[in-house]
């Protein structure tokens, strides 16, 4: 008997490896994927302009990265900090000049990362967006400004597909689209369901149109159908738990990685996990042998940046001597 519905994901025809350059953009689940890739030492750049939830804001971000310019008119001052409606609040400054410099650097990093990318992973959070009434444009972040300044709107299928077309246009090679499994219940359960449905329809249109280089990864479906139990949510009952994130990203790795990359990932993960080992006696002979084994394992791996782990174990060896 089967007591769950496991989502079957076919292996990619063009898998990624440790030589692949990856960029993750979009919602907080894009951040989750990026950090799992980063932990396993893949070459990944995470959301240079910060977390973005709706497809229009993601497309706008990629356009700004391509142009490399910050719209100074989008800057606002609140509590002594200057922010932009086009950027996440983590990118701000104590003066317009400081904020602009920080944002332009983020755009530079993003532009370089996208130009070099073999894969751009875009995670869509919601089809709901907020427009600045005074200017009529969709904002990436309201920055807790008065609600009267904004109008809440549901993006249409055409608006979503147009945004996705711009995203595909700015990505030089392959694009992976996915829908965040995070429940945006602040919008209301019904509105969240409607939002996810619109995103899924629009994504299907784009994937069908660009099958040569655009694919879909069913993170949302894995969470809703395979992991359909509240024990797989965090305490807020909105975000997936660490266990769920690990399960979904393992599904991603199984489908996306080449055979060689999977084997190498196992070796890399063991070394990374070894840095988290806290010895009972750091001056013991047993721990010295353990450290030497890790250094030997690192030296046997080529093409992966394990300099941080190497430095850690070299320092541990000095303490042990």
Protein backbone atom coordinates (compact mmCIF):
# COMPACT_ATOMS: atom_id res chain seq x y z
CA UNK A 1 0.00 0.00 0.00
CA UNK A 2 1.12 3.56 -0.71
CA UNK A 3 0.50 6.23 1.91
CA UNK A 4 1.93 9.21 0.02
CA UNK A 5 2.13 10.63 -3.48
CA UNK A 6 5.77 10.99 -4.45
CA UNK A 7 6.48 13.40 -7.30
CA UNK A 8 8.45 11.72 -10.07
CA UNK A 9 11.05 14.05 -11.60
CA UNK A 10 12.92 12.95 -14.69
CA UNK A 11 16.71 13.51 -14.79
CA UNK A 12 17.75 16.52 -16.82
CA UNK A 13 19.01 15.92 -20.34
CA UNK A 14 21.68 18.60 -19.71
CA UNK A 15 22.68 18.14 -16.06
CA UNK A 16 24.75 20.65 -14.11
CA UNK A 17 28.12 20.04 -12.54
CA UNK A 18 30.67 21.75 -10.33
CA UNK A 19 31.87 23.78 -13.30
CA UNK A 20 28.38 25.27 -13.81
CA UNK A 21 27.66 28.87 -12.86
CA UNK A 22 24.25 29.27 -11.20
CA UNK A 23 22.21 32.32 -10.23
CA UNK A 24 19.17 32.12 -7.92
CA UNK A 25 16.57 34.89 -8.07
CA UNK A 26 13.16 35.48 -6.55
CA UNK A 27 11.41 34.63 -3.31
CA UNK A 28 12.85 33.38 -0.04
CA UNK A 29 12.73 29.81 -1.38
CA UNK A 30 15.27 30.88 -4.04
CA UNK A 31 17.44 31.80 -1.08
CA UNK A 32 16.93 28.30 0.38
CA UNK A 33 18.02 26.65 -2.88
CA UNK A 34 21.03 28.96 -3.21
CA UNK A 35 22.24 28.22 0.30
CA UNK A 36 21.94 24.47 -0.20
CA UNK A 37 23.97 24.80 -3.41
CA UNK A 38 26.48 27.05 -1.65
CA UNK A 39 26.85 24.61 1.25
CA UNK A 40 27.81 21.89 -1.22
CA UNK A 41 30.31 24.33 -2.80
CA UNK A 42 28.62 24.88 -6.14
CA UNK A 43 29.29 28.15 -7.95
CA UNK A 44 26.15 30.08 -7.10
CA UNK A 45 25.17 33.73 -6.68
CA UNK A 46 22.11 34.43 -4.54
CA UNK A 47 19.56 37.18 -5.31
CA UNK A 48 21.91 40.21 -5.71
CA UNK A 49 19.06 42.72 -5.30
CA UNK A 50 17.46 40.82 -2.42
CA UNK A 51 14.33 38.73 -2.04
CA UNK A 52 11.69 39.46 -4.69
CA UNK A 53 8.24 37.88 -4.71
CA UNK A 54 6.33 38.74 -7.87
CA UNK A 55 7.44 38.06 -11.48
CA UNK A 56 7.22 41.72 -12.55
CA UNK A 57 9.72 42.76 -9.85
CA UNK A 58 12.08 39.91 -10.77
CA UNK A 59 11.98 40.92 -14.43
CA UNK A 60 12.56 44.55 -13.43
CA UNK A 61 15.55 43.50 -11.34
CA UNK A 62 17.12 41.62 -14.25
CA UNK A 63 16.56 44.63 -16.50
CA UNK A 64 18.32 46.89 -13.99
CA UNK A 65 21.20 44.42 -13.74
CA UNK A 66 21.57 44.50 -17.52
CA UNK A 67 21.55 48.32 -17.56
CA UNK A 68 23.54 48.76 -14.36
CA UNK A 69 21.65 51.87 -13.28
CA UNK A 70 19.68 52.74 -10.15
CA UNK A 71 16.57 54.87 -10.49
CA UNK A 72 17.26 57.65 -7.97
CA UNK A 73 13.58 58.59 -8.11
CA UNK A 74 12.76 55.28 -6.46
CA UNK A 75 14.70 56.23 -3.30
CA UNK A 76 12.79 57.07 -0.15
CA UNK A 77 13.95 58.09 3.33
CA UNK A 78 12.55 56.40 6.39
CA UNK A 79 13.97 56.36 9.94
CA UNK A 80 17.25 57.83 8.72
CA UNK A 81 17.77 55.14 6.06
CA UNK A 82 17.49 55.53 2.30
CA UNK A 83 15.83 52.66 0.50
CA UNK A 84 14.49 51.93 -2.97
CA UNK A 85 11.15 50.49 -3.99
CA UNK A 86 13.12 48.38 -6.51
CA UNK A 87 15.36 46.72 -3.90
CA UNK A 88 15.01 44.67 -0.74
CA UNK A 89 15.44 46.60 2.53
CA UNK A 90 18.79 44.87 3.14
CA UNK A 91 20.17 47.22 0.49
CA UNK A 92 19.97 50.66 2.07
CA UNK A 93 22.22 53.48 3.27
CA UNK A 94 22.40 56.42 5.65
CA UNK A 95 22.55 58.80 2.67
CA UNK A 96 21.30 58.71 -0.92
CA UNK A 97 24.90 58.37 -2.12
CA UNK A 98 25.65 55.42 0.17
CA UNK A 99 22.41 53.68 -0.77
CA UNK A 100 22.96 54.23 -4.49
CA UNK A 101 26.55 52.97 -4.30
CA UNK A 102 25.43 49.80 -2.52
CA UNK A 103 22.63 49.19 -5.02
CA UNK A 104 24.86 49.78 -8.03
CA UNK A 105 27.37 47.28 -6.64
CA UNK A 106 24.56 44.73 -6.27
CA UNK A 107 23.58 45.34 -9.89
CA UNK A 108 27.20 44.94 -11.01
CA UNK A 109 27.48 41.60 -9.17
CA UNK A 110 24.17 40.47 -10.61
CA UNK A 111 25.01 41.50 -14.17
CA UNK A 112 28.34 39.66 -14.07
CA UNK A 113 26.77 36.57 -12.51
CA UNK A 114 23.97 36.41 -15.09
CA UNK A 115 26.33 36.99 -18.02
CA UNK A 116 28.47 34.07 -16.84
CA UNK A 117 25.55 31.85 -15.83
CA UNK A 118 24.84 28.41 -17.22
CA UNK A 119 21.59 28.28 -15.26
CA UNK A 120 19.32 30.94 -13.77
CA UNK A 121 16.88 29.58 -11.19
CA UNK A 122 13.85 31.82 -10.70
CA UNK A 123 11.41 31.15 -7.85
CA UNK A 124 8.07 32.91 -8.11
CA UNK A 125 6.37 33.68 -4.81
CA UNK A 126 3.08 35.34 -5.69
CA UNK A 127 1.02 36.84 -8.49
CA UNK A 128 -0.15 39.60 -6.14
CA UNK A 129 1.74 42.86 -6.46
CA UNK A 130 1.64 46.41 -5.13
CA UNK A 131 1.76 49.43 -7.39
CA UNK A 132 2.86 52.87 -6.25
CA UNK A 133 -0.25 54.95 -6.93
CA UNK A 134 1.73 58.14 -7.63
CA UNK A 135 3.84 56.49 -10.36
CA UNK A 136 1.72 53.48 -11.34
CA UNK A 137 4.61 51.01 -11.29
CA UNK A 138 4.88 47.70 -9.46
CA UNK A 139 7.22 47.90 -6.46
CA UNK A 140 9.50 45.14 -5.25
CA UNK A 141 9.14 46.15 -1.61
CA UNK A 142 6.75 48.52 0.17
CA UNK A 143 9.25 49.09 3.02
CA UNK A 144 6.38 49.41 5.53
CA UNK A 145 5.28 52.71 4.01
CA UNK A 146 1.64 53.86 4.49
CA UNK A 147 -0.82 51.51 2.77
CA UNK A 148 -2.56 54.52 1.21
CA UNK A 149 0.45 54.97 -1.11
CA UNK A 150 -0.13 51.63 -2.81
CA UNK A 151 -2.74 49.71 -4.71
CA UNK A 152 -2.86 45.93 -4.41
CA UNK A 153 -3.40 44.14 -7.70
CA UNK A 154 -3.47 40.62 -9.06
CA UNK A 155 -1.19 40.30 -12.07
CA UNK A 156 -2.94 38.91 -15.13
CA UNK A 157 -1.74 35.87 -17.06
CA UNK A 158 -0.51 38.21 -19.82
CA UNK A 159 1.40 40.38 -17.33
CA UNK A 160 3.02 37.32 -15.77
CA UNK A 161 3.98 35.75 -19.10
CA UNK A 162 5.37 39.10 -20.32
CA UNK A 163 7.53 39.30 -17.17
CA UNK A 164 8.71 35.72 -17.65
CA UNK A 165 9.56 36.45 -21.29
CA UNK A 166 11.77 39.34 -20.12
CA UNK A 167 13.42 37.02 -17.60
CA UNK A 168 14.17 34.43 -20.29
CA UNK A 169 15.40 37.17 -22.62
CA UNK A 170 17.95 38.43 -20.07
CA UNK A 171 19.26 34.93 -19.22
CA UNK A 172 21.99 33.90 -21.67
CA UNK A 173 21.51 30.15 -21.37
CA UNK A 174 19.14 27.91 -19.42
CA UNK A 175 16.38 29.01 -17.06
CA UNK A 176 14.70 26.93 -14.36
CA UNK A 177 11.34 28.23 -13.18
CA UNK A 178 9.81 27.10 -9.92
CA UNK A 179 6.95 28.24 -7.71
CA UNK A 180 7.64 28.83 -4.05
CA UNK A 181 6.04 26.31 -1.66
CA UNK A 182 5.70 29.08 0.93
CA UNK A 183 2.04 29.71 1.74
CA UNK A 184 1.28 33.43 1.38
CA UNK A 185 -1.69 33.23 3.72
CA UNK A 186 -1.33 36.90 4.61
CA UNK A 187 -3.07 37.38 1.28
CA UNK A 188 -5.83 35.02 2.43
CA UNK A 189 -6.05 31.31 1.72
CA UNK A 190 -8.29 31.78 -1.33
CA UNK A 191 -6.14 34.56 -2.80
CA UNK A 192 -3.00 32.51 -2.23
CA UNK A 193 -4.54 29.58 -4.10
CA UNK A 194 -5.57 31.84 -6.97
CA UNK A 195 -2.11 33.39 -7.07
CA UNK A 196 -0.29 30.05 -7.27
CA UNK A 197 -2.69 28.83 -9.97
CA UNK A 198 -2.02 31.88 -12.15
CA UNK A 199 1.73 31.49 -11.74
CA UNK A 200 1.55 27.81 -12.67
CA UNK A 201 -0.48 28.49 -15.84
CA UNK A 202 1.88 31.26 -16.94
CA UNK A 203 4.97 29.14 -16.24
CA UNK A 204 3.51 26.32 -18.31
CA UNK A 205 3.02 28.70 -21.26
CA UNK A 206 6.63 29.86 -21.11
CA UNK A 207 8.07 26.36 -20.69
CA UNK A 208 5.99 25.11 -23.64
CA UNK A 209 7.22 28.00 -25.77
CA UNK A 210 10.92 27.69 -24.82
CA UNK A 211 11.41 23.95 -24.31
CA UNK A 212 14.94 24.18 -25.65
CA UNK A 213 16.20 26.10 -22.62
CA UNK A 214 13.44 26.68 -20.06
CA UNK A 215 12.31 24.00 -17.59
CA UNK A 216 10.09 23.73 -14.53
CA UNK A 217 10.94 22.21 -11.16
CA UNK A 218 7.87 21.20 -9.09
CA UNK A 219 8.88 22.49 -5.64
CA UNK A 220 5.31 23.65 -5.00
CA UNK A 221 3.83 20.30 -5.99
CA UNK A 222 6.31 18.38 -3.83
CA UNK A 223 5.26 20.44 -0.82
CA UNK A 224 1.53 20.30 -1.53
CA UNK A 225 1.22 16.64 -2.54
CA UNK A 226 4.23 14.67 -1.35
CA UNK A 227 4.77 16.53 1.96
CA UNK A 228 1.12 17.32 2.64
CA UNK A 229 1.36 17.38 6.42
CA UNK A 230 1.80 20.31 8.83
CA UNK A 231 4.79 18.56 10.41
CA UNK A 232 6.73 19.65 7.32
CA UNK A 233 6.08 23.33 8.04
CA UNK A 234 7.95 25.67 10.33
CA UNK A 235 6.27 26.96 13.50
CA UNK A 236 4.53 29.73 11.53
CA UNK A 237 2.68 27.12 9.46
CA UNK A 238 3.67 29.13 6.38
CA UNK A 239 7.30 28.34 5.55
CA UNK A 240 8.59 24.82 4.86
CA UNK A 241 10.64 23.36 7.71
CA UNK A 242 14.35 22.64 7.34
CA UNK A 243 13.43 18.98 6.85
CA UNK A 244 11.10 19.88 3.97
CA UNK A 245 13.64 22.23 2.37
CA UNK A 246 16.25 19.49 2.56
CA UNK A 247 13.88 16.98 0.99
CA UNK A 248 12.92 19.31 -1.88
CA UNK A 249 16.50 20.30 -2.62
CA UNK A 250 17.55 16.63 -2.55
CA UNK A 251 14.90 16.05 -5.24
CA UNK A 252 16.44 18.92 -7.18
CA UNK A 253 19.94 17.49 -6.85
CA UNK A 254 18.75 14.04 -7.95
CA UNK A 255 17.24 15.46 -11.14
CA UNK A 256 19.69 18.25 -11.94
CA UNK A 257 23.17 16.90 -11.20
CA UNK A 258 25.32 14.83 -13.49
CA UNK A 259 26.46 11.43 -12.24
CA UNK A 260 29.95 12.80 -11.67
CA UNK A 261 28.64 15.82 -9.76
CA UNK A 262 26.52 13.59 -7.48
CA UNK A 263 29.56 11.50 -6.59
CA UNK A 264 31.72 14.57 -6.00
CA UNK A 265 28.97 16.22 -3.95
CA UNK A 266 28.98 13.28 -1.53
CA UNK A 267 32.72 13.75 -0.97
CA UNK A 268 32.38 17.53 -0.59
CA UNK A 269 29.45 17.24 1.83
CA UNK A 270 31.43 14.89 4.08
CA UNK A 271 34.23 17.45 4.32
CA UNK A 272 31.83 20.32 5.04
CA UNK A 273 30.09 18.23 7.71
CA UNK A 274 33.48 17.40 9.22
CA UNK A 275 34.09 21.12 9.89
CA UNK A 276 30.98 21.06 12.07
CA UNK A 277 32.40 18.24 14.18
CA UNK A 278 33.40 19.46 17.64
CA UNK A 279 36.13 17.25 19.09
CA UNK A 280 35.97 16.08 22.68
CA UNK A 281 39.76 16.56 22.92
CA UNK A 282 41.25 18.75 20.14
CA UNK A 283 44.80 17.85 21.22
CA UNK A 284 44.30 14.08 21.06
CA UNK A 285 46.08 11.78 18.65
CA UNK A 286 42.73 10.53 17.31
CA UNK A 287 41.62 14.04 16.40
CA UNK A 288 44.98 14.75 14.73
CA UNK A 289 44.48 11.71 12.50
CA UNK A 290 40.93 12.87 11.74
CA UNK A 291 42.18 16.33 10.71
CA UNK A 292 44.93 14.84 8.53
CA UNK A 293 42.35 12.62 6.81
CA UNK A 294 40.23 15.67 6.02
CA UNK A 295 43.20 17.59 4.62
CA UNK A 296 44.09 14.61 2.44
CA UNK A 297 40.48 14.40 1.23
CA UNK A 298 40.54 18.11 0.35
CA UNK A 299 43.81 17.84 -1.57
CA UNK A 300 42.34 14.98 -3.62
CA UNK A 301 39.50 17.17 -4.92
CA UNK A 302 40.04 19.51 -7.88
CA UNK A 303 37.79 22.20 -9.25
CA UNK A 304 35.92 22.89 -5.99
CA UNK A 305 36.68 25.80 -3.67
CA UNK A 306 37.38 24.20 -0.30
CA UNK A 307 39.83 26.89 0.84
CA UNK A 308 37.69 27.75 3.88
CA UNK A 309 37.60 24.12 5.00
CA UNK A 310 41.31 23.69 4.32
CA UNK A 311 42.13 26.74 6.44
CA UNK A 312 39.90 25.43 9.24
CA UNK A 313 41.65 22.06 9.41
CA UNK A 314 45.13 23.57 9.06
CA UNK A 315 44.39 25.78 12.08
CA UNK A 316 43.06 22.76 13.96
CA UNK A 317 46.27 20.90 13.17
CA UNK A 318 48.38 23.74 14.56
CA UNK A 319 46.42 23.62 17.82
CA UNK A 320 46.88 19.88 17.96
CA UNK A 321 50.67 19.97 17.59
